[in-house]
Amino acid sequence: MEIVHLREEYIKLGQALKAAGLTGSGVESKIVIQDGRVKVNGEIETRRGKKLVAGDKVEYNGEVIQIEL
């Protein structure tokens, strides 16, 4: 499980995927999110601008990202 620490109040989904190294670019993040291949807290999420806060979990390609302060 990869942990992404918040610098602000939240991080956007596309930024979190890139920060965790699960995607190589913002464009790649956009594509995998729009294709419905990313889950946030167990639900498919198609908005790359979805705001993630501490406690959220993101799943993509068999990997899990935990959002923490």
PDB file of N, CA and C in Angstrom:
ATOM      1  N   MET A   1       0.842  -1.178   0.000  1.00  0.00           N
ATOM      2  CA  MET A   1       0.000   0.000   0.000  1.00  0.00           C
ATOM      3  C   MET A   1       0.884   1.236   0.000  1.00  0.00           C
ATOM      4  N   GLU A   2       0.620   2.119  -0.919  1.00  0.00           N
ATOM      5  CA  GLU A   2       1.339   3.390  -1.034  1.00  0.00           C
ATOM      6  C   GLU A   2       0.608   4.427  -0.187  1.00  0.00           C
ATOM      7  N   ILE A   3       1.351   5.264   0.500  1.00  0.00           N
ATOM      8  CA  ILE A   3       0.750   6.329   1.313  1.00  0.00           C
ATOM      9  C   ILE A   3       1.090   7.670   0.682  1.00  0.00           C
ATOM     10  N   VAL A   4       0.066   8.490   0.477  1.00  0.00           N
ATOM     11  CA  VAL A   4       0.248   9.848  -0.026  1.00  0.00           C
ATOM     12  C   VAL A   4      -0.112  10.798   1.109  1.00  0.00           C
ATOM     13  N   HIS A   5       0.855  11.632   1.492  1.00  0.00           N
ATOM     14  CA  HIS A   5       0.640  12.589   2.577  1.00  0.00           C
ATOM     15  C   HIS A   5       0.150  13.909   1.998  1.00  0.00           C
ATOM     16  N   LEU A   6      -0.887  14.445   2.620  1.00  0.00           N
ATOM     17  CA  LEU A   6      -1.462  15.710   2.174  1.00  0.00           C
ATOM     18  C   LEU A   6      -0.591  16.881   2.601  1.00  0.00           C
ATOM     19  N   ARG A   7      -0.394  17.810   1.685  1.00  0.00           N
ATOM     20  CA  ARG A   7       0.273  19.069   2.023  1.00  0.00           C
ATOM     21  C   ARG A   7      -0.770  20.147   2.259  1.00  0.00           C
ATOM     22  N   GLU A   8      -1.921  19.947   1.650  1.00  0.00           N
ATOM     23  CA  GLU A   8      -3.052  20.870   1.757  1.00  0.00           C
ATOM     24  C   GLU A   8      -4.200  20.121   2.425  1.00  0.00           C
ATOM     25  N   GLU A   9      -5.387  20.688   2.340  1.00  0.00           N
ATOM     26  CA  GLU A   9      -6.587  20.088   2.907  1.00  0.00           C
ATOM     27  C   GLU A   9      -7.018  18.847   2.126  1.00  0.00           C
ATOM     28  N   TYR A  10      -6.693  18.831   0.820  1.00  0.00           N
ATOM     29  CA  TYR A  10      -7.087  17.726  -0.054  1.00  0.00           C
ATOM     30  C   TYR A  10      -6.091  17.599  -1.215  1.00  0.00           C
ATOM     31  N   ILE A  11      -6.215  16.506  -1.959  1.00  0.00           N
ATOM     32  CA  ILE A  11      -5.462  16.319  -3.194  1.00  0.00           C
ATOM     33  C   ILE A  11      -6.450  15.771  -4.213  1.00  0.00           C
ATOM     34  N   LYS A  12      -6.303  16.177  -5.460  1.00  0.00           N
ATOM     35  CA  LYS A  12      -7.200  15.688  -6.508  1.00  0.00           C
ATOM     36  C   LYS A  12      -6.775  14.288  -6.930  1.00  0.00           C
ATOM     37  N   LEU A  13      -7.745  13.511  -7.365  1.00  0.00           N
ATOM     38  CA  LEU A  13      -7.510  12.120  -7.711  1.00  0.00           C
ATOM     39  C   LEU A  13      -6.396  11.945  -8.730  1.00  0.00           C
ATOM     40  N   GLY A  14      -6.413  12.702  -9.798  1.00  0.00           N
ATOM     41  CA  GLY A  14      -5.377  12.591 -10.827  1.00  0.00           C
ATOM     42  C   GLY A  14      -3.992  12.873 -10.268  1.00  0.00           C
ATOM     43  N   GLN A  15      -3.895  13.857  -9.401  1.00  0.00           N
ATOM     44  CA  GLN A  15      -2.620  14.208  -8.777  1.00  0.00           C
ATOM     45  C   GLN A  15      -2.142  13.102  -7.845  1.00  0.00           C
ATOM     46  N   ALA A  16      -3.073  12.462  -7.138  1.00  0.00           N
ATOM     47  CA  ALA A  16      -2.711  11.391  -6.210  1.00  0.00           C
ATOM     48  C   ALA A  16      -2.137  10.191  -6.949  1.00  0.00           C
ATOM     49  N   LEU A  17      -2.742   9.831  -8.080  1.00  0.00           N
ATOM     50  CA  LEU A  17      -2.223   8.704  -8.867  1.00  0.00           C
ATOM     51  C   LEU A  17      -0.807   8.988  -9.336  1.00  0.00           C
ATOM     52  N   LYS A  18      -0.587  10.196  -9.800  1.00  0.00           N
ATOM     53  CA  LYS A  18       0.741  10.583 -10.275  1.00  0.00           C
ATOM     54  C   LYS A  18       1.743  10.645  -9.117  1.00  0.00           C
ATOM     55  N   ALA A  19       1.335  11.228  -7.975  1.00  0.00           N
ATOM     56  CA  ALA A  19       2.221  11.354  -6.812  1.00  0.00           C
ATOM     57  C   ALA A  19       2.648   9.989  -6.276  1.00  0.00           C
ATOM     58  N   ALA A  20       1.759   9.011  -6.376  1.00  0.00           N
ATOM     59  CA  ALA A  20       2.068   7.661  -5.886  1.00  0.00           C
ATOM     60  C   ALA A  20       2.865   6.856  -6.907  1.00  0.00           C
ATOM     61  N   GLY A  21       3.066   7.417  -8.089  1.00  0.00           N
ATOM     62  CA  GLY A  21       3.839   6.722  -9.118  1.00  0.00           C
ATOM     63  C   GLY A  21       3.052   5.660  -9.864  1.00  0.00           C
ATOM     64  N   LEU A  22       1.726   5.683  -9.749  1.00  0.00           N
ATOM     65  CA  LEU A  22       0.914   4.684 -10.441  1.00  0.00           C
ATOM     66  C   LEU A  22       0.634   5.067 -11.883  1.00  0.00           C
ATOM     67  N   THR A  23       0.771   6.346 -12.194  1.00  0.00           N
ATOM     68  CA  THR A  23       0.689   6.807 -13.576  1.00  0.00           C
ATOM     69  C   THR A  23       1.885   7.716 -13.825  1.00  0.00           C
ATOM     70  N   GLY A  24       2.271   7.808 -15.092  1.00  0.00           N
ATOM     71  CA  GLY A  24       3.461   8.584 -15.421  1.00  0.00           C
ATOM     72  C   GLY A  24       3.197  10.043 -15.718  1.00  0.00           C
ATOM     73  N   SER A  25       1.929  10.388 -15.973  1.00  0.00           N
ATOM     74  CA  SER A  25       1.611  11.771 -16.321  1.00  0.00           C
ATOM     75  C   SER A  25       0.163  12.080 -15.978  1.00  0.00           C
ATOM     76  N   GLY A  26      -0.163  13.358 -16.034  1.00  0.00           N
ATOM     77  CA  GLY A  26      -1.534  13.776 -15.810  1.00  0.00           C
ATOM     78  C   GLY A  26      -2.469  13.250 -16.888  1.00  0.00           C
ATOM     79  N   VAL A  27      -1.961  13.165 -18.110  1.00  0.00           N
ATOM     80  CA  VAL A  27      -2.764  12.648 -19.221  1.00  0.00           C
ATOM     81  C   VAL A  27      -3.095  11.176 -18.996  1.00  0.00           C
ATOM     82  N   GLU A  28      -2.102  10.413 -18.565  1.00  0.00           N
ATOM     83  CA  GLU A  28      -2.341   8.996 -18.279  1.00  0.00           C
ATOM     84  C   GLU A  28      -3.355   8.837 -17.144  1.00  0.00           C
ATOM     85  N   SER A  29      -3.240   9.670 -16.121  1.00  0.00           N
ATOM     86  CA  SER A  29      -4.200   9.637 -15.009  1.00  0.00           C
ATOM     87  C   SER A  29      -5.606   9.906 -15.522  1.00  0.00           C
ATOM     88  N   LYS A  30      -5.735  10.931 -16.352  1.00  0.00           N
ATOM     89  CA  LYS A  30      -7.042  11.293 -16.911  1.00  0.00           C
ATOM     90  C   LYS A  30      -7.667  10.120 -17.657  1.00  0.00           C
ATOM     91  N   ILE A  31      -6.883   9.441 -18.468  1.00  0.00           N
ATOM     92  CA  ILE A  31      -7.400   8.333 -19.274  1.00  0.00           C
ATOM     93  C   ILE A  31      -7.875   7.176 -18.406  1.00  0.00           C
ATOM     94  N   VAL A  32      -7.055   6.739 -17.442  1.00  0.00           N
ATOM     95  CA  VAL A  32      -7.451   5.586 -16.625  1.00  0.00           C
ATOM     96  C   VAL A  32      -8.649   5.908 -15.738  1.00  0.00           C
ATOM     97  N   ILE A  33      -8.762   7.159 -15.305  1.00  0.00           N
ATOM     98  CA  ILE A  33      -9.910   7.561 -14.486  1.00  0.00           C
ATOM     99  C   ILE A  33     -11.174   7.584 -15.347  1.00  0.00           C
ATOM    100  N   GLN A  34     -11.099   8.203 -16.508  1.00  0.00           N
ATOM    101  CA  GLN A  34     -12.269   8.284 -17.390  1.00  0.00           C
ATOM    102  C   GLN A  34     -12.711   6.908 -17.885  1.00  0.00           C
ATOM    103  N   ASP A  35     -11.777   5.978 -17.993  1.00  0.00           N
ATOM    104  CA  ASP A  35     -12.104   4.611 -18.420  1.00  0.00           C
ATOM    105  C   ASP A  35     -12.763   3.793 -17.307  1.00  0.00           C
ATOM    106  N   GLY A  36     -12.884   4.374 -16.107  1.00  0.00           N
ATOM    107  CA  GLY A  36     -13.540   3.681 -14.999  1.00  0.00           C
ATOM    108  C   GLY A  36     -12.678   2.612 -14.349  1.00  0.00           C
ATOM    109  N   ARG A  37     -11.361   2.774 -14.429  1.00  0.00           N
ATOM    110  CA  ARG A  37     -10.448   1.768 -13.876  1.00  0.00           C
ATOM    111  C   ARG A  37      -9.936   2.125 -12.478  1.00  0.00           C
ATOM    112  N   VAL A  38     -10.462   3.214 -11.901  1.00  0.00           N
ATOM    113  CA  VAL A  38     -10.011   3.678 -10.587  1.00  0.00           C
ATOM    114  C   VAL A  38     -11.196   3.681  -9.624  1.00  0.00           C
ATOM    115  N   LYS A  39     -10.950   3.178  -8.416  1.00  0.00           N
ATOM    116  CA  LYS A  39     -11.980   3.198  -7.375  1.00  0.00           C
ATOM    117  C   LYS A  39     -11.515   4.084  -6.229  1.00  0.00           C
ATOM    118  N   VAL A  40     -12.464   4.818  -5.659  1.00  0.00           N
ATOM    119  CA  VAL A  40     -12.215   5.613  -4.458  1.00  0.00           C
ATOM    120  C   VAL A  40     -13.173   5.091  -3.393  1.00  0.00           C
ATOM    121  N   ASN A  41     -12.604   4.612  -2.308  1.00  0.00           N
ATOM    122  CA  ASN A  41     -13.397   4.044  -1.205  1.00  0.00           C
ATOM    123  C   ASN A  41     -14.355   2.958  -1.711  1.00  0.00           C
ATOM    124  N   GLY A  42     -13.864   2.135  -2.644  1.00  0.00           N
ATOM    125  CA  GLY A  42     -14.633   1.002  -3.140  1.00  0.00           C
ATOM    126  C   GLY A  42     -15.601   1.295  -4.275  1.00  0.00           C
ATOM    127  N   GLU A  43     -15.741   2.569  -4.659  1.00  0.00           N
ATOM    128  CA  GLU A  43     -16.668   2.963  -5.723  1.00  0.00           C
ATOM    129  C   GLU A  43     -15.888   3.463  -6.940  1.00  0.00           C
ATOM    130  N   ILE A  44     -16.311   3.075  -8.137  1.00  0.00           N
ATOM    131  CA  ILE A  44     -15.663   3.568  -9.347  1.00  0.00           C
ATOM    132  C   ILE A  44     -15.823   5.085  -9.415  1.00  0.00           C
ATOM    133  N   GLU A  45     -14.727   5.773  -9.703  1.00  0.00           N
ATOM    134  CA  GLU A  45     -14.730   7.239  -9.782  1.00  0.00           C
ATOM    135  C   GLU A  45     -14.227   7.658 -11.160  1.00  0.00           C
ATOM    136  N   THR A  46     -14.983   8.489 -11.859  1.00  0.00           N
ATOM    137  CA  THR A  46     -14.608   8.923 -13.208  1.00  0.00           C
ATOM    138  C   THR A  46     -14.257  10.404 -13.281  1.00  0.00           C
ATOM    139  N   ARG A  47     -14.192  11.077 -12.133  1.00  0.00           N
ATOM    140  CA  ARG A  47     -13.822  12.500 -12.104  1.00  0.00           C
ATOM    141  C   ARG A  47     -12.385  12.642 -11.611  1.00  0.00           C
ATOM    142  N   ARG A  48     -11.497  13.099 -12.477  1.00  0.00           N
ATOM    143  CA  ARG A  48     -10.099  13.219 -12.046  1.00  0.00           C
ATOM    144  C   ARG A  48      -9.913  14.346 -11.047  1.00  0.00           C
ATOM    145  N   GLY A  49     -10.870  15.280 -11.000  1.00  0.00           N
ATOM    146  CA  GLY A  49     -10.804  16.387 -10.049  1.00  0.00           C
ATOM    147  C   GLY A  49     -11.419  16.065  -8.697  1.00  0.00           C
ATOM    148  N   LYS A  50     -11.825  14.817  -8.491  1.00  0.00           N
ATOM    149  CA  LYS A  50     -12.404  14.388  -7.209  1.00  0.00           C
ATOM    150  C   LYS A  50     -11.425  14.722  -6.093  1.00  0.00           C
ATOM    151  N   LYS A  51     -11.911  15.433  -5.080  1.00  0.00           N
ATOM    152  CA  LYS A  51     -11.051  15.831  -3.967  1.00  0.00           C
ATOM    153  C   LYS A  51     -10.946  14.686  -2.973  1.00  0.00           C
ATOM    154  N   LEU A  52      -9.719  14.290  -2.686  1.00  0.00           N
ATOM    155  CA  LEU A  52      -9.445  13.232  -1.713  1.00  0.00           C
ATOM    156  C   LEU A  52      -8.970  13.866  -0.416  1.00  0.00           C
ATOM    157  N   VAL A  53      -9.458  13.344   0.684  1.00  0.00           N
ATOM    158  CA  VAL A  53      -9.068  13.846   2.003  1.00  0.00           C
ATOM    159  C   VAL A  53      -8.485  12.694   2.814  1.00  0.00           C
ATOM    160  N   ALA A  54      -7.935  13.021   3.965  1.00  0.00           N
ATOM    161  CA  ALA A  54      -7.339  12.003   4.829  1.00  0.00           C
ATOM    162  C   ALA A  54      -8.350  10.890   5.102  1.00  0.00           C
ATOM    163  N   GLY A  55      -7.891   9.646   4.972  1.00  0.00           N
ATOM    164  CA  GLY A  55      -8.743   8.497   5.216  1.00  0.00           C
ATOM    165  C   GLY A  55      -9.255   7.846   3.940  1.00  0.00           C
ATOM    166  N   ASP A  56      -9.196   8.560   2.812  1.00  0.00           N
ATOM    167  CA  ASP A  56      -9.659   7.987   1.548  1.00  0.00           C
ATOM    168  C   ASP A  56      -8.678   6.932   1.049  1.00  0.00           C
ATOM    169  N   LYS A  57      -9.227   5.929   0.361  1.00  0.00           N
ATOM    170  CA  LYS A  57      -8.415   4.883  -0.257  1.00  0.00           C
ATOM    171  C   LYS A  57      -8.715   4.844  -1.748  1.00  0.00           C
ATOM    172  N   VAL A  58      -7.663   4.767  -2.535  1.00  0.00           N
ATOM    173  CA  VAL A  58      -7.775   4.728  -3.985  1.00  0.00           C
ATOM    174  C   VAL A  58      -7.211   3.394  -4.459  1.00  0.00           C
ATOM    175  N   GLU A  59      -7.929   2.740  -5.361  1.00  0.00           N
ATOM    176  CA  GLU A  59      -7.476   1.464  -5.928  1.00  0.00           C
ATOM    177  C   GLU A  59      -7.317   1.621  -7.435  1.00  0.00           C
ATOM    178  N   TYR A  60      -6.171   1.152  -7.941  1.00  0.00           N
ATOM    179  CA  TYR A  60      -5.925   1.165  -9.378  1.00  0.00           C
ATOM    180  C   TYR A  60      -4.907   0.077  -9.717  1.00  0.00           C
ATOM    181  N   ASN A  61      -5.254  -0.734 -10.684  1.00  0.00           N
ATOM    182  CA  ASN A  61      -4.325  -1.734 -11.218  1.00  0.00           C
ATOM    183  C   ASN A  61      -3.746  -2.640 -10.130  1.00  0.00           C
ATOM    184  N   GLY A  62      -4.577  -3.023  -9.170  1.00  0.00           N
ATOM    185  CA  GLY A  62      -4.140  -3.915  -8.108  1.00  0.00           C
ATOM    186  C   GLY A  62      -3.368  -3.246  -6.988  1.00  0.00           C
ATOM    187  N   GLU A  63      -3.199  -1.953  -7.070  1.00  0.00           N
ATOM    188  CA  GLU A  63      -2.472  -1.190  -6.051  1.00  0.00           C
ATOM    189  C   GLU A  63      -3.461  -0.358  -5.236  1.00  0.00           C
ATOM    190  N   VAL A  64      -3.092  -0.068  -4.001  1.00  0.00           N
ATOM    191  CA  VAL A  64      -3.941   0.744  -3.119  1.00  0.00           C
ATOM    192  C   VAL A  64      -3.135   1.936  -2.632  1.00  0.00           C
ATOM    193  N   ILE A  65      -3.766   3.104  -2.679  1.00  0.00           N
ATOM    194  CA  ILE A  65      -3.167   4.338  -2.167  1.00  0.00           C
ATOM    195  C   ILE A  65      -3.996   4.765  -0.956  1.00  0.00           C
ATOM    196  N   GLN A  66      -3.329   5.044   0.146  1.00  0.00           N
ATOM    197  CA  GLN A  66      -3.983   5.562   1.354  1.00  0.00           C
ATOM    198  C   GLN A  66      -3.642   7.038   1.462  1.00  0.00           C
ATOM    199  N   ILE A  67      -4.658   7.877   1.619  1.00  0.00           N
ATOM    200  CA  ILE A  67      -4.454   9.315   1.774  1.00  0.00           C
ATOM    201  C   ILE A  67      -4.378   9.630   3.265  1.00  0.00           C
ATOM    202  N   GLU A  68      -3.280  10.300   3.676  1.00  0.00           N
ATOM    203  CA  GLU A  68      -3.079  10.623   5.090  1.00  0.00           C
ATOM    204  C   GLU A  68      -2.577  12.046   5.239  1.00  0.00           C
ATOM    205  N   LEU A  69      -2.726  12.572   6.445  1.00  0.00           N
ATOM    206  CA  LEU A  69      -2.205  13.925   6.752  1.00  0.00           C
ATOM    207  C   LEU A  69      -0.704  13.887   6.845  1.00  0.00           C
TER     208      LEU A  69
END
